Amino acid sequence: MFDLHPPEVICRTLGERVRALRLARNLSQQELADMGGVSLSTLRRFEASGQGSTQMLVQIAQALGAADGLQNLFAPSIRSIADAERAERAAQRQRARRRG
């Protein structure tokens, strides 16, 4: 779904989703900021624009009980046996191959 959107739109959408989940849980911005261990201004900026650090995103996701949604972030996409075999080989490598 996000593949065709520019990064700014993806970030803003994530901020909007945090806001919607916060409101669904009937939490004020201050309450969520306190629960997540971030400043109120950091949370406000994230909800408005999606700007913030990865650590902040994880802290907020944990505070909202939504960290499981991060589980598949950057996980290899496996659609076939060949994909599974490639993923296993890649997991064993310690470096990327040089492009010649």
C-alpha atoms as a PDB file:
ATOM      1  CA  MET A   1       0.000   0.000   0.000  1.00  0.00           C
ATOM      2  CA  PHE A   2       2.798   2.443   0.866  1.00  0.00           C
ATOM      3  CA  ASP A   3       5.075   1.492  -2.041  1.00  0.00           C
ATOM      4  CA  LEU A   4       3.805   4.210  -4.370  1.00  0.00           C
ATOM      5  CA  HIS A   5       3.704   7.068  -1.848  1.00  0.00           C
ATOM      6  CA  PRO A   6       6.501   9.541  -1.114  1.00  0.00           C
ATOM      7  CA  PRO A   7       8.141   9.235   2.315  1.00  0.00           C
ATOM      8  CA  GLU A   8       6.456  12.387   3.627  1.00  0.00           C
ATOM      9  CA  VAL A   9       3.007  10.930   2.965  1.00  0.00           C
ATOM     10  CA  ILE A  10       3.899   7.637   4.641  1.00  0.00           C
ATOM     11  CA  CYS A  11       5.234   9.431   7.717  1.00  0.00           C
ATOM     12  CA  ARG A  12       2.204  11.700   7.933  1.00  0.00           C
ATOM     13  CA  THR A  13      -0.099   8.663   7.619  1.00  0.00           C
ATOM     14  CA  LEU A  14       1.719   6.930  10.496  1.00  0.00           C
ATOM     15  CA  GLY A  15       1.297  10.045  12.629  1.00  0.00           C
ATOM     16  CA  GLU A  16      -2.416  10.148  11.803  1.00  0.00           C
ATOM     17  CA  ARG A  17      -2.748   6.478  12.733  1.00  0.00           C
ATOM     18  CA  VAL A  18      -1.081   7.090  16.104  1.00  0.00           C
ATOM     19  CA  ARG A  19      -3.479   9.972  16.738  1.00  0.00           C
ATOM     20  CA  ALA A  20      -6.510   7.861  15.779  1.00  0.00           C
ATOM     21  CA  LEU A  21      -5.412   4.982  18.024  1.00  0.00           C
ATOM     22  CA  ARG A  22      -4.662   7.375  20.891  1.00  0.00           C
ATOM     23  CA  LEU A  23      -8.151   8.856  20.611  1.00  0.00           C
ATOM     24  CA  ALA A  24      -9.730   5.399  20.314  1.00  0.00           C
ATOM     25  CA  ARG A  25      -8.001   4.521  23.600  1.00  0.00           C
ATOM     26  CA  ASN A  26      -9.318   7.792  25.079  1.00  0.00           C
ATOM     27  CA  LEU A  27      -5.837   9.088  25.906  1.00  0.00           C
ATOM     28  CA  SER A  28      -4.747  12.707  25.883  1.00  0.00           C
ATOM     29  CA  GLN A  29      -1.511  13.626  24.141  1.00  0.00           C
ATOM     30  CA  GLN A  30       0.083  14.254  27.540  1.00  0.00           C
ATOM     31  CA  GLU A  31      -0.990  10.845  28.842  1.00  0.00           C
ATOM     32  CA  LEU A  32       0.437   9.042  25.820  1.00  0.00           C
ATOM     33  CA  ALA A  33       3.634  11.080  25.917  1.00  0.00           C
ATOM     34  CA  ASP A  34       4.089  10.148  29.576  1.00  0.00           C
ATOM     35  CA  MET A  35       3.331   6.476  28.909  1.00  0.00           C
ATOM     36  CA  GLY A  36       5.783   6.396  26.000  1.00  0.00           C
ATOM     37  CA  GLY A  37       8.528   8.335  27.725  1.00  0.00           C
ATOM     38  CA  VAL A  38       8.612  11.097  25.120  1.00  0.00           C
ATOM     39  CA  SER A  39       7.999  14.805  25.417  1.00  0.00           C
ATOM     40  CA  LEU A  40       4.617  16.288  24.628  1.00  0.00           C
ATOM     41  CA  SER A  41       6.122  18.396  21.833  1.00  0.00           C
ATOM     42  CA  THR A  42       7.699  15.277  20.282  1.00  0.00           C
ATOM     43  CA  LEU A  43       4.347  13.471  20.271  1.00  0.00           C
ATOM     44  CA  ARG A  44       2.544  16.508  18.871  1.00  0.00           C
ATOM     45  CA  ARG A  45       5.096  16.838  16.063  1.00  0.00           C
ATOM     46  CA  PHE A  46       4.809  13.136  15.245  1.00  0.00           C
ATOM     47  CA  GLU A  47       1.018  13.171  15.128  1.00  0.00           C
ATOM     48  CA  ALA A  48       1.025  16.276  12.929  1.00  0.00           C
ATOM     49  CA  SER A  49       3.795  15.402  10.490  1.00  0.00           C
ATOM     50  CA  GLY A  50       5.080  11.911  11.199  1.00  0.00           C
ATOM     51  CA  GLN A  51       8.506  13.311  12.044  1.00  0.00           C
ATOM     52  CA  GLY A  52      10.434  11.610  14.802  1.00  0.00           C
ATOM     53  CA  SER A  53      13.029   8.994  15.566  1.00  0.00           C
ATOM     54  CA  THR A  54      12.658   5.268  15.177  1.00  0.00           C
ATOM     55  CA  GLN A  55      13.109   4.875  18.922  1.00  0.00           C
ATOM     56  CA  MET A  56      10.275   7.314  19.554  1.00  0.00           C
ATOM     57  CA  LEU A  57       8.037   5.377  17.171  1.00  0.00           C
ATOM     58  CA  VAL A  58       8.777   2.133  19.016  1.00  0.00           C
ATOM     59  CA  GLN A  59       8.159   3.757  22.415  1.00  0.00           C
ATOM     60  CA  ILE A  60       4.798   5.121  21.276  1.00  0.00           C
ATOM     61  CA  ALA A  61       3.835   1.812  19.658  1.00  0.00           C
ATOM     62  CA  GLN A  62       4.647  -0.007  22.900  1.00  0.00           C
ATOM     63  CA  ALA A  63       2.679   2.511  24.969  1.00  0.00           C
ATOM     64  CA  LEU A  64      -0.332   1.989  22.689  1.00  0.00           C
ATOM     65  CA  GLY A  65       0.061  -1.793  22.760  1.00  0.00           C
ATOM     66  CA  ALA A  66       0.689  -1.765  19.017  1.00  0.00           C
ATOM     67  CA  ALA A  67       4.338  -2.857  18.875  1.00  0.00           C
ATOM     68  CA  ASP A  68       3.337  -6.189  17.328  1.00  0.00           C
ATOM     69  CA  GLY A  69       2.545  -4.186  14.191  1.00  0.00           C
ATOM     70  CA  LEU A  70       6.288  -3.580  13.824  1.00  0.00           C
ATOM     71  CA  GLN A  71       7.042  -7.318  13.764  1.00  0.00           C
ATOM     72  CA  ASN A  72       7.053  -7.628   9.979  1.00  0.00           C
ATOM     73  CA  LEU A  73       8.825  -4.358   9.268  1.00  0.00           C
ATOM     74  CA  PHE A  74      11.786  -5.218   7.007  1.00  0.00           C
ATOM     75  CA  ALA A  75      11.044  -8.944   7.267  1.00  0.00           C
ATOM     76  CA  PRO A  76      11.775 -10.776   4.035  1.00  0.00           C
ATOM     77  CA  SER A  77       8.758 -11.229   1.818  1.00  0.00           C
ATOM     78  CA  ILE A  78       8.336 -14.940   1.170  1.00  0.00           C
ATOM     79  CA  ARG A  79       5.937 -15.849  -1.606  1.00  0.00           C
ATOM     80  CA  SER A  80       7.503 -19.068  -2.831  1.00  0.00           C
ATOM     81  CA  ILE A  81       9.909 -21.825  -1.871  1.00  0.00           C
ATOM     82  CA  ALA A  82      12.610 -20.055  -3.888  1.00  0.00           C
ATOM     83  CA  ASP A  83      12.028 -16.873  -1.834  1.00  0.00           C
ATOM     84  CA  ALA A  84      12.346 -18.886   1.385  1.00  0.00           C
ATOM     85  CA  GLU A  85      15.621 -20.422   0.204  1.00  0.00           C
ATOM     86  CA  ARG A  86      17.002 -16.992  -0.777  1.00  0.00           C
ATOM     87  CA  ALA A  87      15.991 -15.561   2.602  1.00  0.00           C
ATOM     88  CA  GLU A  88      17.748 -18.399   4.415  1.00  0.00           C
ATOM     89  CA  ARG A  89      20.938 -17.929   2.381  1.00  0.00           C
ATOM     90  CA  ALA A  90      20.818 -14.169   2.963  1.00  0.00           C
ATOM     91  CA  ALA A  91      20.420 -14.680   6.714  1.00  0.00           C
ATOM     92  CA  GLN A  92      23.643 -16.689   6.735  1.00  0.00           C
ATOM     93  CA  ARG A  93      25.657 -13.995   4.907  1.00  0.00           C
ATOM     94  CA  GLN A  94      27.357 -11.349   6.970  1.00  0.00           C
ATOM     95  CA  ARG A  95      27.869  -8.857   4.120  1.00  0.00           C
ATOM     96  CA  ALA A  96      26.161  -7.885   0.924  1.00  0.00           C
ATOM     97  CA  ARG A  97      27.740  -9.106  -2.288  1.00  0.00           C
ATOM     98  CA  ARG A  98      29.704  -6.651  -4.377  1.00  0.00           C
ATOM     99  CA  ARG A  99      28.026  -5.536  -7.548  1.00  0.00           C
ATOM    100  CA  GLY A 100      30.320  -5.976 -10.490  1.00  0.00           C
END
